[in-house]
Amino acid sequence: MSQRLTWTQLTPRSSRNCFKVGNEGSTAIVMATHNVYQAKRLADTFAFMLYGRLIKIGHPSEVLEASDDITLTRFLRGELV
């Protein structure tokens, strides 16, 4: 896939294409989003950053479902952090 995608172009079809390319093993895709559910569905590694600091990184279920970081927990609850 040689075309450049912007956030406005990330349609369901584009998401499937990115997922397919990423699964081929030769390409890493970095996606920045506030949509936690989309990130959980598409990512095999998940990183939570806040104000330029890496708070937690790991498998999506490990980061999102068993967070020991209060800031991440508050974010996931929908609170302003």
PDB file of N, CA and C in Angstrom:
ATOM      1  N   MET A   1       0.847  -1.159   0.000  1.00  0.00           N
ATOM      2  CA  MET A   1       0.000   0.000   0.000  1.00  0.00           C
ATOM      3  C   MET A   1       0.898   1.229   0.000  1.00  0.00           C
ATOM      4  N   SER A   2       0.911   1.956  -1.078  1.00  0.00           N
ATOM      5  CA  SER A   2       1.809   3.091  -1.178  1.00  0.00           C
ATOM      6  C   SER A   2       1.112   4.418  -0.935  1.00  0.00           C
ATOM      7  N   GLN A   3      -0.211   4.411  -0.803  1.00  0.00           N
ATOM      8  CA  GLN A   3      -0.898   5.669  -0.594  1.00  0.00           C
ATOM      9  C   GLN A   3      -0.801   6.094   0.854  1.00  0.00           C
ATOM     10  N   ARG A   4      -0.782   7.395   1.061  1.00  0.00           N
ATOM     11  CA  ARG A   4      -0.702   7.942   2.409  1.00  0.00           C
ATOM     12  C   ARG A   4      -2.117   8.208   2.907  1.00  0.00           C
ATOM     13  N   LEU A   5      -2.417   7.738   4.113  1.00  0.00           N
ATOM     14  CA  LEU A   5      -3.751   7.916   4.673  1.00  0.00           C
ATOM     15  C   LEU A   5      -3.722   8.977   5.759  1.00  0.00           C
ATOM     16  N   THR A   6      -4.728   9.798   5.807  1.00  0.00           N
ATOM     17  CA  THR A   6      -4.905  10.724   6.912  1.00  0.00           C
ATOM     18  C   THR A   6      -6.100  10.260   7.713  1.00  0.00           C
ATOM     19  N   TRP A   7      -6.305  10.849   8.853  1.00  0.00           N
ATOM     20  CA  TRP A   7      -7.396  10.391   9.718  1.00  0.00           C
ATOM     21  C   TRP A   7      -8.750  10.499   9.045  1.00  0.00           C
ATOM     22  N   THR A   8      -8.914  11.437   8.149  1.00  0.00           N
ATOM     23  CA  THR A   8     -10.200  11.589   7.485  1.00  0.00           C
ATOM     24  C   THR A   8     -10.423  10.491   6.454  1.00  0.00           C
ATOM     25  N   GLN A   9      -9.390   9.795   6.070  1.00  0.00           N
ATOM     26  CA  GLN A   9      -9.511   8.753   5.062  1.00  0.00           C
ATOM     27  C   GLN A   9      -9.559   7.353   5.659  1.00  0.00           C
ATOM     28  N   LEU A  10      -9.517   7.234   6.966  1.00  0.00           N
ATOM     29  CA  LEU A  10      -9.489   5.910   7.587  1.00  0.00           C
ATOM     30  C   LEU A  10     -10.908   5.368   7.705  1.00  0.00           C
ATOM     31  N   THR A  11     -11.393   4.869   6.583  1.00  0.00           N
ATOM     32  CA  THR A  11     -12.729   4.285   6.488  1.00  0.00           C
ATOM     33  C   THR A  11     -12.664   2.827   6.938  1.00  0.00           C
ATOM     34  N   PRO A  12     -13.799   2.177   7.095  1.00  0.00           N
ATOM     35  CA  PRO A  12     -13.753   0.739   7.427  1.00  0.00           C
ATOM     36  C   PRO A  12     -12.930  -0.068   6.417  1.00  0.00           C
ATOM     37  N   ARG A  13     -13.041   0.284   5.146  1.00  0.00           N
ATOM     38  CA  ARG A  13     -12.251  -0.432   4.126  1.00  0.00           C
ATOM     39  C   ARG A  13     -10.757  -0.162   4.316  1.00  0.00           C
ATOM     40  N   SER A  14     -10.398   1.094   4.580  1.00  0.00           N
ATOM     41  CA  SER A  14      -8.992   1.422   4.828  1.00  0.00           C
ATOM     42  C   SER A  14      -8.467   0.695   6.053  1.00  0.00           C
ATOM     43  N   SER A  15      -9.298   0.610   7.094  1.00  0.00           N
ATOM     44  CA  SER A  15      -8.890  -0.113   8.301  1.00  0.00           C
ATOM     45  C   SER A  15      -8.594  -1.568   7.988  1.00  0.00           C
ATOM     46  N   ARG A  16      -9.462  -2.199   7.197  1.00  0.00           N
ATOM     47  CA  ARG A  16      -9.228  -3.606   6.816  1.00  0.00           C
ATOM     48  C   ARG A  16      -7.933  -3.744   6.020  1.00  0.00           C
ATOM     49  N   ASN A  17      -7.673  -2.807   5.099  1.00  0.00           N
ATOM     50  CA  ASN A  17      -6.442  -2.855   4.307  1.00  0.00           C
ATOM     51  C   ASN A  17      -5.212  -2.689   5.187  1.00  0.00           C
ATOM     52  N   CYS A  18      -5.261  -1.772   6.144  1.00  0.00           N
ATOM     53  CA  CYS A  18      -4.136  -1.585   7.059  1.00  0.00           C
ATOM     54  C   CYS A  18      -3.899  -2.833   7.886  1.00  0.00           C
ATOM     55  N   PHE A  19      -4.980  -3.436   8.358  1.00  0.00           N
ATOM     56  CA  PHE A  19      -4.889  -4.654   9.152  1.00  0.00           C
ATOM     57  C   PHE A  19      -4.252  -5.779   8.333  1.00  0.00           C
ATOM     58  N   LYS A  20      -4.649  -5.884   7.080  1.00  0.00           N
ATOM     59  CA  LYS A  20      -4.101  -6.914   6.198  1.00  0.00           C
ATOM     60  C   LYS A  20      -2.605  -6.695   5.979  1.00  0.00           C
ATOM     61  N   VAL A  21      -2.202  -5.472   5.687  1.00  0.00           N
ATOM     62  CA  VAL A  21      -0.789  -5.158   5.462  1.00  0.00           C
ATOM     63  C   VAL A  21       0.017  -5.409   6.732  1.00  0.00           C
ATOM     64  N   GLY A  22      -0.508  -4.968   7.870  1.00  0.00           N
ATOM     65  CA  GLY A  22       0.189  -5.174   9.140  1.00  0.00           C
ATOM     66  C   GLY A  22       0.368  -6.631   9.485  1.00  0.00           C
ATOM     67  N   ASN A  23      -0.576  -7.469   9.115  1.00  0.00           N
ATOM     68  CA  ASN A  23      -0.489  -8.896   9.414  1.00  0.00           C
ATOM     69  C   ASN A  23       0.484  -9.640   8.509  1.00  0.00           C
ATOM     70  N   GLU A  24       0.910  -9.021   7.433  1.00  0.00           N
ATOM     71  CA  GLU A  24       1.884  -9.679   6.554  1.00  0.00           C
ATOM     72  C   GLU A  24       3.247  -9.784   7.217  1.00  0.00           C
ATOM     73  N   GLY A  25       3.459  -9.043   8.284  1.00  0.00           N
ATOM     74  CA  GLY A  25       4.690  -9.162   9.056  1.00  0.00           C
ATOM     75  C   GLY A  25       5.839  -8.304   8.590  1.00  0.00           C
ATOM     76  N   SER A  26       5.721  -7.663   7.451  1.00  0.00           N
ATOM     77  CA  SER A  26       6.837  -6.869   6.950  1.00  0.00           C
ATOM     78  C   SER A  26       6.633  -5.375   7.192  1.00  0.00           C
ATOM     79  N   THR A  27       5.499  -4.998   7.736  1.00  0.00           N
ATOM     80  CA  THR A  27       5.182  -3.595   7.916  1.00  0.00           C
ATOM     81  C   THR A  27       4.635  -3.362   9.315  1.00  0.00           C
ATOM     82  N   ALA A  28       5.127  -2.325   9.964  1.00  0.00           N
ATOM     83  CA  ALA A  28       4.557  -1.893  11.242  1.00  0.00           C
ATOM     84  C   ALA A  28       3.703  -0.662  10.969  1.00  0.00           C
ATOM     85  N   ILE A  29       2.544  -0.629  11.560  1.00  0.00           N
ATOM     86  CA  ILE A  29       1.644   0.499  11.387  1.00  0.00           C
ATOM     87  C   ILE A  29       1.472   1.171  12.736  1.00  0.00           C
ATOM     88  N   VAL A  30       1.703   2.471  12.771  1.00  0.00           N
ATOM     89  CA  VAL A  30       1.508   3.246  13.985  1.00  0.00           C
ATOM     90  C   VAL A  30       0.241   4.063  13.798  1.00  0.00           C
ATOM     91  N   MET A  31      -0.692   3.885  14.716  1.00  0.00           N
ATOM     92  CA  MET A  31      -1.968   4.585  14.627  1.00  0.00           C
ATOM     93  C   MET A  31      -2.175   5.371  15.909  1.00  0.00           C
ATOM     94  N   ALA A  32      -2.471   6.634  15.784  1.00  0.00           N
ATOM     95  CA  ALA A  32      -2.810   7.463  16.941  1.00  0.00           C
ATOM     96  C   ALA A  32      -4.305   7.715  16.898  1.00  0.00           C
ATOM     97  N   THR A  33      -4.987   7.407  17.990  1.00  0.00           N
ATOM     98  CA  THR A  33      -6.437   7.551  18.027  1.00  0.00           C
ATOM     99  C   THR A  33      -6.908   7.784  19.449  1.00  0.00           C
ATOM    100  N   HIS A  34      -8.077   8.381  19.572  1.00  0.00           N
ATOM    101  CA  HIS A  34      -8.752   8.477  20.859  1.00  0.00           C
ATOM    102  C   HIS A  34      -9.833   7.410  20.961  1.00  0.00           C
ATOM    103  N   ASN A  35      -9.996   6.626  19.910  1.00  0.00           N
ATOM    104  CA  ASN A  35     -11.006   5.576  19.880  1.00  0.00           C
ATOM    105  C   ASN A  35     -10.392   4.289  20.440  1.00  0.00           C
ATOM    106  N   VAL A  36     -10.580   4.094  21.724  1.00  0.00           N
ATOM    107  CA  VAL A  36      -9.970   2.953  22.409  1.00  0.00           C
ATOM    108  C   VAL A  36     -10.462   1.632  21.835  1.00  0.00           C
ATOM    109  N   TYR A  37     -11.735   1.576  21.469  1.00  0.00           N
ATOM    110  CA  TYR A  37     -12.300   0.326  20.952  1.00  0.00           C
ATOM    111  C   TYR A  37     -11.695  -0.045  19.606  1.00  0.00           C
ATOM    112  N   GLN A  38     -11.460   0.954  18.746  1.00  0.00           N
ATOM    113  CA  GLN A  38     -10.822   0.684  17.460  1.00  0.00           C
ATOM    114  C   GLN A  38      -9.381   0.225  17.681  1.00  0.00           C
ATOM    115  N   ALA A  39      -8.684   0.888  18.569  1.00  0.00           N
ATOM    116  CA  ALA A  39      -7.298   0.503  18.858  1.00  0.00           C
ATOM    117  C   ALA A  39      -7.228  -0.919  19.405  1.00  0.00           C
ATOM    118  N   LYS A  40      -8.153  -1.253  20.295  1.00  0.00           N
ATOM    119  CA  LYS A  40      -8.166  -2.601  20.868  1.00  0.00           C
ATOM    120  C   LYS A  40      -8.420  -3.656  19.796  1.00  0.00           C
ATOM    121  N   ARG A  41      -9.305  -3.332  18.866  1.00  0.00           N
ATOM    122  CA  ARG A  41      -9.658  -4.282  17.804  1.00  0.00           C
ATOM    123  C   ARG A  41      -8.521  -4.468  16.803  1.00  0.00           C
ATOM    124  N   LEU A  42      -7.769  -3.408  16.499  1.00  0.00           N
ATOM    125  CA  LEU A  42      -6.774  -3.457  15.430  1.00  0.00           C
ATOM    126  C   LEU A  42      -5.344  -3.724  15.899  1.00  0.00           C
ATOM    127  N   ALA A  43      -5.049  -3.425  17.147  1.00  0.00           N
ATOM    128  CA  ALA A  43      -3.648  -3.441  17.583  1.00  0.00           C
ATOM    129  C   ALA A  43      -3.210  -4.773  18.167  1.00  0.00           C
ATOM    130  N   ASP A  44      -1.950  -5.101  17.964  1.00  0.00           N
ATOM    131  CA  ASP A  44      -1.369  -6.221  18.693  1.00  0.00           C
ATOM    132  C   ASP A  44      -0.433  -5.705  19.788  1.00  0.00           C
ATOM    133  N   THR A  45      -0.105  -4.427  19.736  1.00  0.00           N
ATOM    134  CA  THR A  45       0.611  -3.741  20.803  1.00  0.00           C
ATOM    135  C   THR A  45      -0.086  -2.407  21.017  1.00  0.00           C
ATOM    136  N   PHE A  46      -0.310  -2.050  22.259  1.00  0.00           N
ATOM    137  CA  PHE A  46      -1.066  -0.850  22.598  1.00  0.00           C
ATOM    138  C   PHE A  46      -0.216   0.008  23.525  1.00  0.00           C
ATOM    139  N   ALA A  47      -0.133   1.289  23.228  1.00  0.00           N
ATOM    140  CA  ALA A  47       0.607   2.214  24.090  1.00  0.00           C
ATOM    141  C   ALA A  47      -0.314   3.357  24.497  1.00  0.00           C
ATOM    142  N   PHE A  48      -0.273   3.713  25.755  1.00  0.00           N
ATOM    143  CA  PHE A  48      -1.029   4.857  26.255  1.00  0.00           C
ATOM    144  C   PHE A  48      -0.040   5.954  26.582  1.00  0.00           C
ATOM    145  N   MET A  49      -0.226   7.096  25.915  1.00  0.00           N
ATOM    146  CA  MET A  49       0.653   8.244  26.145  1.00  0.00           C
ATOM    147  C   MET A  49      -0.184   9.408  26.647  1.00  0.00           C
ATOM    148  N   LEU A  50       0.420  10.221  27.496  1.00  0.00           N
ATOM    149  CA  LEU A  50      -0.237  11.406  28.015  1.00  0.00           C
ATOM    150  C   LEU A  50       0.794  12.514  28.138  1.00  0.00           C
ATOM    151  N   TYR A  51       0.519  13.637  27.492  1.00  0.00           N
ATOM    152  CA  TYR A  51       1.428  14.790  27.501  1.00  0.00           C
ATOM    153  C   TYR A  51       2.847  14.410  27.082  1.00  0.00           C
ATOM    154  N   GLY A  52       2.957  13.546  26.081  1.00  0.00           N
ATOM    155  CA  GLY A  52       4.258  13.163  25.548  1.00  0.00           C
ATOM    156  C   GLY A  52       4.992  12.109  26.351  1.00  0.00           C
ATOM    157  N   ARG A  53       4.379  11.611  27.411  1.00  0.00           N
ATOM    158  CA  ARG A  53       4.999  10.568  28.237  1.00  0.00           C
ATOM    159  C   ARG A  53       4.333   9.237  27.979  1.00  0.00           C
ATOM    160  N   LEU A  54       5.133   8.206  27.848  1.00  0.00           N
ATOM    161  CA  LEU A  54       4.611   6.850  27.694  1.00  0.00           C
ATOM    162  C   LEU A  54       4.213   6.336  29.074  1.00  0.00           C
ATOM    163  N   ILE A  55       2.924   6.089  29.249  1.00  0.00           N
ATOM    164  CA  ILE A  55       2.410   5.646  30.546  1.00  0.00           C
ATOM    165  C   ILE A  55       2.430   4.123  30.660  1.00  0.00           C
ATOM    166  N   LYS A  56       1.965   3.454  29.600  1.00  0.00           N
ATOM    167  CA  LYS A  56       1.926   1.988  29.638  1.00  0.00           C
ATOM    168  C   LYS A  56       1.944   1.449  28.215  1.00  0.00           C
ATOM    169  N   ILE A  57       2.605   0.303  28.019  1.00  0.00           N
ATOM    170  CA  ILE A  57       2.665  -0.347  26.712  1.00  0.00           C
ATOM    171  C   ILE A  57       2.570  -1.856  26.917  1.00  0.00           C
ATOM    172  N   GLY A  58       1.895  -2.521  25.982  1.00  0.00           N
ATOM    173  CA  GLY A  58       1.765  -3.973  26.062  1.00  0.00           C
ATOM    174  C   GLY A  58       0.645  -4.459  25.164  1.00  0.00           C
ATOM    175  N   HIS A  59       0.223  -5.696  25.361  1.00  0.00           N
ATOM    176  CA  HIS A  59      -0.895  -6.251  24.624  1.00  0.00           C
ATOM    177  C   HIS A  59      -2.154  -5.473  25.018  1.00  0.00           C
ATOM    178  N   PRO A  60      -3.067  -5.205  24.067  1.00  0.00           N
ATOM    179  CA  PRO A  60      -4.248  -4.395  24.384  1.00  0.00           C
ATOM    180  C   PRO A  60      -5.028  -4.882  25.613  1.00  0.00           C
ATOM    181  N   SER A  61      -5.252  -6.171  25.753  1.00  0.00           N
ATOM    182  CA  SER A  61      -6.019  -6.650  26.911  1.00  0.00           C
ATOM    183  C   SER A  61      -5.263  -6.400  28.210  1.00  0.00           C
ATOM    184  N   GLU A  62      -3.960  -6.542  28.170  1.00  0.00           N
ATOM    185  CA  GLU A  62      -3.128  -6.311  29.345  1.00  0.00           C
ATOM    186  C   GLU A  62      -3.170  -4.837  29.766  1.00  0.00           C
ATOM    187  N   VAL A  63      -3.124  -3.945  28.803  1.00  0.00           N
ATOM    188  CA  VAL A  63      -3.104  -2.519  29.102  1.00  0.00           C
ATOM    189  C   VAL A  63      -4.495  -2.014  29.485  1.00  0.00           C
ATOM    190  N   LEU A  64      -5.509  -2.423  28.747  1.00  0.00           N
ATOM    191  CA  LEU A  64      -6.840  -1.854  28.926  1.00  0.00           C
ATOM    192  C   LEU A  64      -7.677  -2.515  30.013  1.00  0.00           C
ATOM    193  N   GLU A  65      -7.474  -3.786  30.250  1.00  0.00           N
ATOM    194  CA  GLU A  65      -8.345  -4.492  31.177  1.00  0.00           C
ATOM    195  C   GLU A  65      -7.731  -4.740  32.543  1.00  0.00           C
ATOM    196  N   ALA A  66      -6.448  -4.558  32.669  1.00  0.00           N
ATOM    197  CA  ALA A  66      -5.791  -4.813  33.951  1.00  0.00           C
ATOM    198  C   ALA A  66      -4.844  -3.675  34.298  1.00  0.00           C
ATOM    199  N   SER A  67      -5.334  -2.455  34.126  1.00  0.00           N
ATOM    200  CA  SER A  67      -4.457  -1.314  34.345  1.00  0.00           C
ATOM    201  C   SER A  67      -4.229  -1.060  35.827  1.00  0.00           C
ATOM    202  N   ASP A  68      -2.975  -0.894  36.183  1.00  0.00           N
ATOM    203  CA  ASP A  68      -2.630  -0.531  37.548  1.00  0.00           C
ATOM    204  C   ASP A  68      -2.272   0.958  37.633  1.00  0.00           C
ATOM    205  N   ASP A  69      -2.449   1.695  36.530  1.00  0.00           N
ATOM    206  CA  ASP A  69      -2.151   3.126  36.499  1.00  0.00           C
ATOM    207  C   ASP A  69      -3.449   3.924  36.666  1.00  0.00           C
ATOM    208  N   ILE A  70      -3.520   4.760  37.683  1.00  0.00           N
ATOM    209  CA  ILE A  70      -4.742   5.494  37.981  1.00  0.00           C
ATOM    210  C   ILE A  70      -5.108   6.475  36.861  1.00  0.00           C
ATOM    211  N   THR A  71      -4.130   7.079  36.215  1.00  0.00           N
ATOM    212  CA  THR A  71      -4.411   8.010  35.120  1.00  0.00           C
ATOM    213  C   THR A  71      -5.056   7.285  33.953  1.00  0.00           C
ATOM    214  N   LEU A  72      -4.532   6.131  33.597  1.00  0.00           N
ATOM    215  CA  LEU A  72      -5.110   5.329  32.518  1.00  0.00           C
ATOM    216  C   LEU A  72      -6.507   4.860  32.901  1.00  0.00           C
ATOM    217  N   THR A  73      -6.683   4.428  34.125  1.00  0.00           N
ATOM    218  CA  THR A  73      -7.997   3.990  34.595  1.00  0.00           C
ATOM    219  C   THR A  73      -9.013   5.123  34.485  1.00  0.00           C
ATOM    220  N   ARG A  74      -8.632   6.314  34.892  1.00  0.00           N
ATOM    221  CA  ARG A  74      -9.530   7.473  34.799  1.00  0.00           C
ATOM    222  C   ARG A  74      -9.857   7.785  33.347  1.00  0.00           C
ATOM    223  N   PHE A  75      -8.860   7.724  32.462  1.00  0.00           N
ATOM    224  CA  PHE A  75      -9.094   7.976  31.033  1.00  0.00           C
ATOM    225  C   PHE A  75     -10.088   6.979  30.471  1.00  0.00           C
ATOM    226  N   LEU A  76      -9.910   5.714  30.812  1.00  0.00           N
ATOM    227  CA  LEU A  76     -10.787   4.659  30.297  1.00  0.00           C
ATOM    228  C   LEU A  76     -12.228   4.795  30.818  1.00  0.00           C
ATOM    229  N   ARG A  77     -12.386   5.427  31.981  1.00  0.00           N
ATOM    230  CA  ARG A  77     -13.717   5.689  32.526  1.00  0.00           C
ATOM    231  C   ARG A  77     -14.368   6.907  31.858  1.00  0.00           C
ATOM    232  N   GLY A  78     -13.591   7.617  31.049  1.00  0.00           N
ATOM    233  CA  GLY A  78     -14.129   8.796  30.386  1.00  0.00           C
ATOM    234  C   GLY A  78     -13.883  10.086  31.137  1.00  0.00           C
ATOM    235  N   GLU A  79     -13.084  10.036  32.181  1.00  0.00           N
ATOM    236  CA  GLU A  79     -12.785  11.239  32.939  1.00  0.00           C
ATOM    237  C   GLU A  79     -11.721  12.061  32.216  1.00  0.00           C
ATOM    238  N   LEU A  80     -11.722  13.356  32.481  1.00  0.00           N
ATOM    239  CA  LEU A  80     -10.679  14.217  31.924  1.00  0.00           C
ATOM    240  C   LEU A  80      -9.410  14.012  32.740  1.00  0.00           C
ATOM    241  N   VAL A  81      -8.316  13.799  32.051  1.00  0.00           N
ATOM    242  CA  VAL A  81      -7.023  13.606  32.734  1.00  0.00           C
ATOM    243  C   VAL A  81      -6.017  14.633  32.267  1.00  0.00           C
TER     244      VAL A  81
END
